[in-house]
Structure formats: structure tokens, C-alpha cells
Amino acid sequence: MKDSWGEAQTLLNIGLLFQQMQRCDVALAAFLLAYTIFEDIQSPYRDKVQRQIGVLHEELGEPQFAQLRAQVEPEALFILEQGLLEAAKDVSRNY
């Protein structure tokens, strides 16, 4: 059985982590994927994700955010996977 809510919540948390790491591309990818799932299951958490997307928008400004979203949206899953792989490599180097 698929746990869509848990998957979306995990994506939201991953997005928050990458946002703190200043990886706006990966953060936005995670937020967009989380939003889609929360929307599909009609969860009110989609509003929380939308607020986080708004925070990114505010931090970057309209032109930069629009450009980032245009780049990230069609490749969100790939960008997220690559970001996670890079983060895992960085962690393993420190151990």
C-alpha cells in the first residue's frame, strides 16, 4: 500500500533541508513534487508547501524564481535525485 501522505511529507522535509543548504533548485523540485502529491490526495498540507514555494520566490525575486521554476518544473524528479546523490557523496566524504 502506497503512503502518499508520508511520501509528500518526506519530500517537503527534503525541500526544507535543501533550502537551508542554499540549494534552491533541489528545494524547489522537492516542493513541487510534494505539492503535486498533497494536491492529489486533497491534503491541506499543500498550502504549507505553497507557502514554502512562496518563501523561495521572495528570497530569489521574481525574475530569478521564474527562471528557476521554468528549469526545474519539467525535470523535478531528476533534479531531486541528483541533489540527493550529491548530498550522499558529500556525507560519505566526511566519514
PDB file of N, CA and C in Angstrom:
ATOM      1  N   MET A   1       0.835  -1.172   0.000  1.00  0.00           N
ATOM      2  CA  MET A   1       0.000   0.000   0.000  1.00  0.00           C
ATOM      3  C   MET A   1       0.890   1.249   0.000  1.00  0.00           C
ATOM      4  N   LYS A   2       0.561   2.182  -0.858  1.00  0.00           N
ATOM      5  CA  LYS A   2       1.345   3.394  -1.004  1.00  0.00           C
ATOM      6  C   LYS A   2       0.955   4.414   0.072  1.00  0.00           C
ATOM      7  N   ASP A   3       1.953   5.006   0.683  1.00  0.00           N
ATOM      8  CA  ASP A   3       1.735   6.030   1.704  1.00  0.00           C
ATOM      9  C   ASP A   3       2.006   7.401   1.081  1.00  0.00           C
ATOM     10  N   SER A   4       1.028   7.909   0.354  1.00  0.00           N
ATOM     11  CA  SER A   4       1.205   9.170  -0.367  1.00  0.00           C
ATOM     12  C   SER A   4       1.467  10.338   0.574  1.00  0.00           C
ATOM     13  N   TRP A   5       0.736  10.380   1.683  1.00  0.00           N
ATOM     14  CA  TRP A   5       0.938  11.475   2.627  1.00  0.00           C
ATOM     15  C   TRP A   5       2.363  11.453   3.168  1.00  0.00           C
ATOM     16  N   GLY A   6       2.838  10.275   3.549  1.00  0.00           N
ATOM     17  CA  GLY A   6       4.201  10.145   4.075  1.00  0.00           C
ATOM     18  C   GLY A   6       5.248  10.515   3.037  1.00  0.00           C
ATOM     19  N   GLU A   7       5.004  10.128   1.795  1.00  0.00           N
ATOM     20  CA  GLU A   7       5.929  10.472   0.711  1.00  0.00           C
ATOM     21  C   GLU A   7       5.986  11.992   0.519  1.00  0.00           C
ATOM     22  N   ALA A   8       4.828  12.617   0.494  1.00  0.00           N
ATOM     23  CA  ALA A   8       4.776  14.067   0.306  1.00  0.00           C
ATOM     24  C   ALA A   8       5.415  14.800   1.482  1.00  0.00           C
ATOM     25  N   GLN A   9       5.168  14.317   2.702  1.00  0.00           N
ATOM     26  CA  GLN A   9       5.762  14.937   3.885  1.00  0.00           C
ATOM     27  C   GLN A   9       7.283  14.800   3.847  1.00  0.00           C
ATOM     28  N   THR A  10       7.774  13.663   3.415  1.00  0.00           N
ATOM     29  CA  THR A  10       9.219  13.458   3.284  1.00  0.00           C
ATOM     30  C   THR A  10       9.803  14.409   2.251  1.00  0.00           C
ATOM     31  N   LEU A  11       9.108  14.568   1.130  1.00  0.00           N
ATOM     32  CA  LEU A  11       9.571  15.497   0.103  1.00  0.00           C
ATOM     33  C   LEU A  11       9.602  16.933   0.632  1.00  0.00           C
ATOM     34  N   LEU A  12       8.583  17.299   1.388  1.00  0.00           N
ATOM     35  CA  LEU A  12       8.562  18.637   1.987  1.00  0.00           C
ATOM     36  C   LEU A  12       9.769  18.821   2.907  1.00  0.00           C
ATOM     37  N   ASN A  13      10.058  17.837   3.745  1.00  0.00           N
ATOM     38  CA  ASN A  13      11.202  17.931   4.656  1.00  0.00           C
ATOM     39  C   ASN A  13      12.524  17.985   3.899  1.00  0.00           C
ATOM     40  N   ILE A  14      12.635  17.213   2.826  1.00  0.00           N
ATOM     41  CA  ILE A  14      13.843  17.258   1.993  1.00  0.00           C
ATOM     42  C   ILE A  14      13.993  18.651   1.393  1.00  0.00           C
ATOM     43  N   GLY A  15      12.888  19.205   0.927  1.00  0.00           N
ATOM     44  CA  GLY A  15      12.926  20.559   0.373  1.00  0.00           C
ATOM     45  C   GLY A  15      13.394  21.580   1.390  1.00  0.00           C
ATOM     46  N   LEU A  16      12.901  21.464   2.618  1.00  0.00           N
ATOM     47  CA  LEU A  16      13.315  22.388   3.677  1.00  0.00           C
ATOM     48  C   LEU A  16      14.813  22.264   3.958  1.00  0.00           C
ATOM     49  N   LEU A  17      15.307  21.045   3.968  1.00  0.00           N
ATOM     50  CA  LEU A  17      16.734  20.813   4.203  1.00  0.00           C
ATOM     51  C   LEU A  17      17.572  21.440   3.096  1.00  0.00           C
ATOM     52  N   PHE A  18      17.197  21.199   1.851  1.00  0.00           N
ATOM     53  CA  PHE A  18      17.967  21.761   0.739  1.00  0.00           C
ATOM     54  C   PHE A  18      17.818  23.283   0.680  1.00  0.00           C
ATOM     55  N   GLN A  19      16.706  23.805   1.122  1.00  0.00           N
ATOM     56  CA  GLN A  19      16.546  25.259   1.186  1.00  0.00           C
ATOM     57  C   GLN A  19      17.548  25.843   2.179  1.00  0.00           C
ATOM     58  N   GLN A  20      17.722  25.190   3.319  1.00  0.00           N
ATOM     59  CA  GLN A  20      18.711  25.642   4.306  1.00  0.00           C
ATOM     60  C   GLN A  20      20.130  25.537   3.760  1.00  0.00           C
ATOM     61  N   MET A  21      20.355  24.576   2.875  1.00  0.00           N
ATOM     62  CA  MET A  21      21.672  24.369   2.278  1.00  0.00           C
ATOM     63  C   MET A  21      21.900  25.301   1.081  1.00  0.00           C
ATOM     64  N   GLN A  22      20.949  26.191   0.824  1.00  0.00           N
ATOM     65  CA  GLN A  22      21.028  27.130  -0.302  1.00  0.00           C
ATOM     66  C   GLN A  22      21.025  26.429  -1.658  1.00  0.00           C
ATOM     67  N   ARG A  23      20.410  25.258  -1.715  1.00  0.00           N
ATOM     68  CA  ARG A  23      20.246  24.542  -2.993  1.00  0.00           C
ATOM     69  C   ARG A  23      18.801  24.736  -3.451  1.00  0.00           C
ATOM     70  N   CYS A  24      18.541  25.928  -3.951  1.00  0.00           N
ATOM     71  CA  CYS A  24      17.176  26.305  -4.310  1.00  0.00           C
ATOM     72  C   CYS A  24      16.586  25.423  -5.403  1.00  0.00           C
ATOM     73  N   ASP A  25      17.419  24.940  -6.309  1.00  0.00           N
ATOM     74  CA  ASP A  25      16.915  24.086  -7.380  1.00  0.00           C
ATOM     75  C   ASP A  25      16.353  22.776  -6.828  1.00  0.00           C
ATOM     76  N   VAL A  26      17.097  22.150  -5.944  1.00  0.00           N
ATOM     77  CA  VAL A  26      16.659  20.878  -5.364  1.00  0.00           C
ATOM     78  C   VAL A  26      15.482  21.115  -4.415  1.00  0.00           C
ATOM     79  N   ALA A  27      15.536  22.195  -3.659  1.00  0.00           N
ATOM     80  CA  ALA A  27      14.437  22.523  -2.748  1.00  0.00           C
ATOM     81  C   ALA A  27      13.147  22.716  -3.534  1.00  0.00           C
ATOM     82  N   LEU A  28      13.203  23.490  -4.613  1.00  0.00           N
ATOM     83  CA  LEU A  28      12.007  23.728  -5.411  1.00  0.00           C
ATOM     84  C   LEU A  28      11.502  22.436  -6.030  1.00  0.00           C
ATOM     85  N   ALA A  29      12.393  21.601  -6.502  1.00  0.00           N
ATOM     86  CA  ALA A  29      11.987  20.313  -7.080  1.00  0.00           C
ATOM     87  C   ALA A  29      11.223  19.490  -6.048  1.00  0.00           C
ATOM     88  N   ALA A  30      11.752  19.409  -4.849  1.00  0.00           N
ATOM     89  CA  ALA A  30      11.097  18.642  -3.785  1.00  0.00           C
ATOM     90  C   ALA A  30       9.745  19.252  -3.431  1.00  0.00           C
ATOM     91  N   PHE A  31       9.691  20.578  -3.336  1.00  0.00           N
ATOM     92  CA  PHE A  31       8.429  21.248  -3.019  1.00  0.00           C
ATOM     93  C   PHE A  31       7.379  21.001  -4.105  1.00  0.00           C
ATOM     94  N   LEU A  32       7.777  21.080  -5.358  1.00  0.00           N
ATOM     95  CA  LEU A  32       6.819  20.866  -6.449  1.00  0.00           C
ATOM     96  C   LEU A  32       6.276  19.443  -6.440  1.00  0.00           C
ATOM     97  N   LEU A  33       7.151  18.481  -6.191  1.00  0.00           N
ATOM     98  CA  LEU A  33       6.708  17.088  -6.126  1.00  0.00           C
ATOM     99  C   LEU A  33       5.792  16.866  -4.926  1.00  0.00           C
ATOM    100  N   ALA A  34       6.138  17.448  -3.794  1.00  0.00           N
ATOM    101  CA  ALA A  34       5.297  17.331  -2.603  1.00  0.00           C
ATOM    102  C   ALA A  34       3.932  17.966  -2.846  1.00  0.00           C
ATOM    103  N   TYR A  35       3.929  19.131  -3.463  1.00  0.00           N
ATOM    104  CA  TYR A  35       2.673  19.833  -3.727  1.00  0.00           C
ATOM    105  C   TYR A  35       1.747  18.979  -4.598  1.00  0.00           C
ATOM    106  N   THR A  36       2.308  18.369  -5.622  1.00  0.00           N
ATOM    107  CA  THR A  36       1.504  17.539  -6.523  1.00  0.00           C
ATOM    108  C   THR A  36       0.849  16.387  -5.774  1.00  0.00           C
ATOM    109  N   ILE A  37       1.591  15.749  -4.910  1.00  0.00           N
ATOM    110  CA  ILE A  37       1.034  14.625  -4.150  1.00  0.00           C
ATOM    111  C   ILE A  37      -0.030  15.119  -3.175  1.00  0.00           C
ATOM    112  N   PHE A  38       0.286  16.175  -2.425  1.00  0.00           N
ATOM    113  CA  PHE A  38      -0.705  16.706  -1.489  1.00  0.00           C
ATOM    114  C   PHE A  38      -1.969  17.154  -2.226  1.00  0.00           C
ATOM    115  N   GLU A  39      -1.809  17.708  -3.398  1.00  0.00           N
ATOM    116  CA  GLU A  39      -2.960  18.118  -4.205  1.00  0.00           C
ATOM    117  C   GLU A  39      -3.774  16.892  -4.621  1.00  0.00           C
ATOM    118  N   ASP A  40      -3.083  15.849  -5.054  1.00  0.00           N
ATOM    119  CA  ASP A  40      -3.769  14.619  -5.486  1.00  0.00           C
ATOM    120  C   ASP A  40      -4.594  13.999  -4.367  1.00  0.00           C
ATOM    121  N   ILE A  41      -4.071  14.044  -3.144  1.00  0.00           N
ATOM    122  CA  ILE A  41      -4.804  13.431  -2.020  1.00  0.00           C
ATOM    123  C   ILE A  41      -5.650  14.460  -1.268  1.00  0.00           C
ATOM    124  N   GLN A  42      -5.694  15.671  -1.814  1.00  0.00           N
ATOM    125  CA  GLN A  42      -6.501  16.760  -1.263  1.00  0.00           C
ATOM    126  C   GLN A  42      -6.165  17.050   0.202  1.00  0.00           C
ATOM    127  N   SER A  43      -4.870  17.100   0.466  1.00  0.00           N
ATOM    128  CA  SER A  43      -4.398  17.393   1.822  1.00  0.00           C
ATOM    129  C   SER A  43      -4.234  18.900   2.007  1.00  0.00           C
ATOM    130  N   PRO A  44      -4.629  19.409   3.151  1.00  0.00           N
ATOM    131  CA  PRO A  44      -4.396  20.832   3.416  1.00  0.00           C
ATOM    132  C   PRO A  44      -2.911  21.188   3.520  1.00  0.00           C
ATOM    133  N   TYR A  45      -2.049  20.197   3.618  1.00  0.00           N
ATOM    134  CA  TYR A  45      -0.608  20.452   3.668  1.00  0.00           C
ATOM    135  C   TYR A  45      -0.105  21.070   2.371  1.00  0.00           C
ATOM    136  N   ARG A  46      -0.890  20.990   1.309  1.00  0.00           N
ATOM    137  CA  ARG A  46      -0.476  21.622   0.055  1.00  0.00           C
ATOM    138  C   ARG A  46      -0.290  23.124   0.273  1.00  0.00           C
ATOM    139  N   ASP A  47      -1.066  23.699   1.196  1.00  0.00           N
ATOM    140  CA  ASP A  47      -0.929  25.127   1.498  1.00  0.00           C
ATOM    141  C   ASP A  47       0.413  25.418   2.166  1.00  0.00           C
ATOM    142  N   LYS A  48       0.866  24.501   3.012  1.00  0.00           N
ATOM    143  CA  LYS A  48       2.171  24.656   3.663  1.00  0.00           C
ATOM    144  C   LYS A  48       3.285  24.620   2.614  1.00  0.00           C
ATOM    145  N   VAL A  49       3.157  23.699   1.675  1.00  0.00           N
ATOM    146  CA  VAL A  49       4.157  23.608   0.608  1.00  0.00           C
ATOM    147  C   VAL A  49       4.116  24.877  -0.243  1.00  0.00           C
ATOM    148  N   GLN A  50       2.929  25.343  -0.541  1.00  0.00           N
ATOM    149  CA  GLN A  50       2.795  26.563  -1.341  1.00  0.00           C
ATOM    150  C   GLN A  50       3.448  27.750  -0.634  1.00  0.00           C
ATOM    151  N   ARG A  51       3.330  27.806   0.681  1.00  0.00           N
ATOM    152  CA  ARG A  51       3.991  28.876   1.441  1.00  0.00           C
ATOM    153  C   ARG A  51       5.512  28.778   1.304  1.00  0.00           C
ATOM    154  N   GLN A  52       6.040  27.563   1.342  1.00  0.00           N
ATOM    155  CA  GLN A  52       7.491  27.386   1.201  1.00  0.00           C
ATOM    156  C   GLN A  52       7.952  27.780  -0.200  1.00  0.00           C
ATOM    157  N   ILE A  53       7.156  27.468  -1.193  1.00  0.00           N
ATOM    158  CA  ILE A  53       7.475  27.907  -2.553  1.00  0.00           C
ATOM    159  C   ILE A  53       7.466  29.436  -2.585  1.00  0.00           C
ATOM    160  N   GLY A  54       6.514  30.041  -1.888  1.00  0.00           N
ATOM    161  CA  GLY A  54       6.449  31.499  -1.798  1.00  0.00           C
ATOM    162  C   GLY A  54       7.675  32.097  -1.116  1.00  0.00           C
ATOM    163  N   VAL A  55       8.176  31.416  -0.096  1.00  0.00           N
ATOM    164  CA  VAL A  55       9.393  31.880   0.583  1.00  0.00           C
ATOM    165  C   VAL A  55      10.562  31.886  -0.394  1.00  0.00           C
ATOM    166  N   LEU A  56      10.701  30.807  -1.162  1.00  0.00           N
ATOM    167  CA  LEU A  56      11.760  30.760  -2.178  1.00  0.00           C
ATOM    168  C   LEU A  56      11.588  31.895  -3.171  1.00  0.00           C
ATOM    169  N   HIS A  57      10.360  32.103  -3.598  1.00  0.00           N
ATOM    170  CA  HIS A  57      10.049  33.169  -4.554  1.00  0.00           C
ATOM    171  C   HIS A  57      10.497  34.519  -4.000  1.00  0.00           C
ATOM    172  N   GLU A  58      10.180  34.757  -2.743  1.00  0.00           N
ATOM    173  CA  GLU A  58      10.566  36.004  -2.088  1.00  0.00           C
ATOM    174  C   GLU A  58      12.086  36.146  -1.984  1.00  0.00           C
ATOM    175  N   GLU A  59      12.745  35.059  -1.598  1.00  0.00           N
ATOM    176  CA  GLU A  59      14.202  35.093  -1.422  1.00  0.00           C
ATOM    177  C   GLU A  59      14.913  35.384  -2.740  1.00  0.00           C
ATOM    178  N   LEU A  60      14.418  34.794  -3.819  1.00  0.00           N
ATOM    179  CA  LEU A  60      15.096  34.912  -5.112  1.00  0.00           C
ATOM    180  C   LEU A  60      14.669  36.132  -5.911  1.00  0.00           C
ATOM    181  N   GLY A  61      13.449  36.586  -5.713  1.00  0.00           N
ATOM    182  CA  GLY A  61      12.904  37.652  -6.551  1.00  0.00           C
ATOM    183  C   GLY A  61      12.247  37.054  -7.787  1.00  0.00           C
ATOM    184  N   GLU A  62      11.367  37.827  -8.376  1.00  0.00           N
ATOM    185  CA  GLU A  62      10.545  37.320  -9.481  1.00  0.00           C
ATOM    186  C   GLU A  62      11.341  36.801 -10.679  1.00  0.00           C
ATOM    187  N   PRO A  63      12.262  37.589 -11.232  1.00  0.00           N
ATOM    188  CA  PRO A  63      12.932  37.090 -12.449  1.00  0.00           C
ATOM    189  C   PRO A  63      13.711  35.798 -12.220  1.00  0.00           C
ATOM    190  N   GLN A  64      14.474  35.752 -11.124  1.00  0.00           N
ATOM    191  CA  GLN A  64      15.292  34.561 -10.856  1.00  0.00           C
ATOM    192  C   GLN A  64      14.410  33.366 -10.515  1.00  0.00           C
ATOM    193  N   PHE A  65      13.345  33.592  -9.743  1.00  0.00           N
ATOM    194  CA  PHE A  65      12.443  32.490  -9.401  1.00  0.00           C
ATOM    195  C   PHE A  65      11.745  31.947 -10.644  1.00  0.00           C
ATOM    196  N   ALA A  66      11.273  32.833 -11.511  1.00  0.00           N
ATOM    197  CA  ALA A  66      10.590  32.396 -12.734  1.00  0.00           C
ATOM    198  C   ALA A  66      11.524  31.555 -13.599  1.00  0.00           C
ATOM    199  N   GLN A  67      12.763  31.976 -13.705  1.00  0.00           N
ATOM    200  CA  GLN A  67      13.750  31.224 -14.485  1.00  0.00           C
ATOM    201  C   GLN A  67      14.020  29.857 -13.845  1.00  0.00           C
ATOM    202  N   LEU A  68      14.187  29.854 -12.521  1.00  0.00           N
ATOM    203  CA  LEU A  68      14.437  28.600 -11.815  1.00  0.00           C
ATOM    204  C   LEU A  68      13.266  27.643 -11.978  1.00  0.00           C
ATOM    205  N   ARG A  69      12.059  28.135 -11.799  1.00  0.00           N
ATOM    206  CA  ARG A  69      10.877  27.275 -11.911  1.00  0.00           C
ATOM    207  C   ARG A  69      10.751  26.692 -13.318  1.00  0.00           C
ATOM    208  N   ALA A  70      11.033  27.517 -14.328  1.00  0.00           N
ATOM    209  CA  ALA A  70      10.968  27.041 -15.714  1.00  0.00           C
ATOM    210  C   ALA A  70      11.980  25.923 -15.966  1.00  0.00           C
ATOM    211  N   GLN A  71      13.129  25.997 -15.304  1.00  0.00           N
ATOM    212  CA  GLN A  71      14.155  24.965 -15.454  1.00  0.00           C
ATOM    213  C   GLN A  71      13.824  23.715 -14.645  1.00  0.00           C
ATOM    214  N   VAL A  72      13.316  23.906 -13.437  1.00  0.00           N
ATOM    215  CA  VAL A  72      13.122  22.799 -12.505  1.00  0.00           C
ATOM    216  C   VAL A  72      11.853  22.008 -12.789  1.00  0.00           C
ATOM    217  N   GLU A  73      10.770  22.692 -13.062  1.00  0.00           N
ATOM    218  CA  GLU A  73       9.467  22.025 -13.147  1.00  0.00           C
ATOM    219  C   GLU A  73       9.457  20.815 -14.092  1.00  0.00           C
ATOM    220  N   PRO A  74       9.990  20.925 -15.317  1.00  0.00           N
ATOM    221  CA  PRO A  74       9.924  19.751 -16.202  1.00  0.00           C
ATOM    222  C   PRO A  74      10.867  18.609 -15.806  1.00  0.00           C
ATOM    223  N   GLU A  75      11.836  18.895 -14.954  1.00  0.00           N
ATOM    224  CA  GLU A  75      12.850  17.898 -14.574  1.00  0.00           C
ATOM    225  C   GLU A  75      12.912  17.703 -13.062  1.00  0.00           C
ATOM    226  N   ALA A  76      11.824  17.939 -12.367  1.00  0.00           N
ATOM    227  CA  ALA A  76      11.848  17.964 -10.903  1.00  0.00           C
ATOM    228  C   ALA A  76      12.372  16.666 -10.292  1.00  0.00           C
ATOM    229  N   LEU A  77      11.888  15.535 -10.754  1.00  0.00           N
ATOM    230  CA  LEU A  77      12.321  14.267 -10.167  1.00  0.00           C
ATOM    231  C   LEU A  77      13.811  14.031 -10.407  1.00  0.00           C
ATOM    232  N   PHE A  78      14.285  14.299 -11.607  1.00  0.00           N
ATOM    233  CA  PHE A  78      15.700  14.123 -11.930  1.00  0.00           C
ATOM    234  C   PHE A  78      16.569  15.051 -11.070  1.00  0.00           C
ATOM    235  N   ILE A  79      16.156  16.308 -10.938  1.00  0.00           N
ATOM    236  CA  ILE A  79      16.912  17.276 -10.144  1.00  0.00           C
ATOM    237  C   ILE A  79      16.965  16.842  -8.685  1.00  0.00           C
ATOM    238  N   LEU A  80      15.849  16.364  -8.172  1.00  0.00           N
ATOM    239  CA  LEU A  80      15.819  15.875  -6.792  1.00  0.00           C
ATOM    240  C   LEU A  80      16.760  14.684  -6.623  1.00  0.00           C
ATOM    241  N   GLU A  81      16.682  13.721  -7.524  1.00  0.00           N
ATOM    242  CA  GLU A  81      17.544  12.540  -7.424  1.00  0.00           C
ATOM    243  C   GLU A  81      19.015  12.922  -7.471  1.00  0.00           C
ATOM    244  N   GLN A  82      19.381  13.826  -8.374  1.00  0.00           N
ATOM    245  CA  GLN A  82      20.776  14.255  -8.483  1.00  0.00           C
ATOM    246  C   GLN A  82      21.228  14.985  -7.219  1.00  0.00           C
ATOM    247  N   GLY A  83      20.357  15.826  -6.680  1.00  0.00           N
ATOM    248  CA  GLY A  83      20.688  16.537  -5.452  1.00  0.00           C
ATOM    249  C   GLY A  83      20.913  15.593  -4.287  1.00  0.00           C
ATOM    250  N   LEU A  84      20.066  14.581  -4.196  1.00  0.00           N
ATOM    251  CA  LEU A  84      20.225  13.592  -3.122  1.00  0.00           C
ATOM    252  C   LEU A  84      21.510  12.793  -3.287  1.00  0.00           C
ATOM    253  N   LEU A  85      21.837  12.426  -4.524  1.00  0.00           N
ATOM    254  CA  LEU A  85      23.089  11.697  -4.776  1.00  0.00           C
ATOM    255  C   LEU A  85      24.303  12.541  -4.394  1.00  0.00           C
ATOM    256  N   GLU A  86      24.284  13.808  -4.774  1.00  0.00           N
ATOM    257  CA  GLU A  86      25.399  14.694  -4.440  1.00  0.00           C
ATOM    258  C   GLU A  86      25.526  14.867  -2.932  1.00  0.00           C
ATOM    259  N   ALA A  87      24.411  15.012  -2.254  1.00  0.00           N
ATOM    260  CA  ALA A  87      24.436  15.169  -0.796  1.00  0.00           C
ATOM    261  C   ALA A  87      24.970  13.901  -0.134  1.00  0.00           C
ATOM    262  N   ALA A  88      24.576  12.743  -0.638  1.00  0.00           N
ATOM    263  CA  ALA A  88      25.056  11.484  -0.079  1.00  0.00           C
ATOM    264  C   ALA A  88      26.566  11.347  -0.271  1.00  0.00           C
ATOM    265  N   LYS A  89      27.068  11.770  -1.430  1.00  0.00           N
ATOM    266  CA  LYS A  89      28.513  11.725  -1.667  1.00  0.00           C
ATOM    267  C   LYS A  89      29.249  12.657  -0.717  1.00  0.00           C
ATOM    268  N   ASP A  90      28.689  13.852  -0.499  1.00  0.00           N
ATOM    269  CA  ASP A  90      29.315  14.804   0.426  1.00  0.00           C
ATOM    270  C   ASP A  90      29.371  14.243   1.844  1.00  0.00           C
ATOM    271  N   VAL A  91      28.306  13.588   2.265  1.00  0.00           N
ATOM    272  CA  VAL A  91      28.263  12.997   3.611  1.00  0.00           C
ATOM    273  C   VAL A  91      29.297  11.880   3.716  1.00  0.00           C
ATOM    274  N   SER A  92      29.378  11.032   2.692  1.00  0.00           N
ATOM    275  CA  SER A  92      30.300   9.896   2.777  1.00  0.00           C
ATOM    276  C   SER A  92      31.756  10.355   2.764  1.00  0.00           C
ATOM    277  N   ARG A  93      32.042  11.487   2.150  1.00  0.00           N
ATOM    278  CA  ARG A  93      33.412  12.025   2.158  1.00  0.00           C
ATOM    279  C   ARG A  93      33.838  12.466   3.561  1.00  0.00           C
ATOM    280  N   ASN A  94      32.856  12.855   4.349  1.00  0.00           N
ATOM    281  CA  ASN A  94      33.161  13.347   5.696  1.00  0.00           C
ATOM    282  C   ASN A  94      33.292  12.227   6.716  1.00  0.00           C
ATOM    283  N   TYR A  95      33.097  10.999   6.308  1.00  0.00           N
ATOM    284  CA  TYR A  95      33.204   9.869   7.234  1.00  0.00           C
ATOM    285  C   TYR A  95      34.309   8.952   6.854  1.00  0.00           C
TER     286      TYR A  95
END
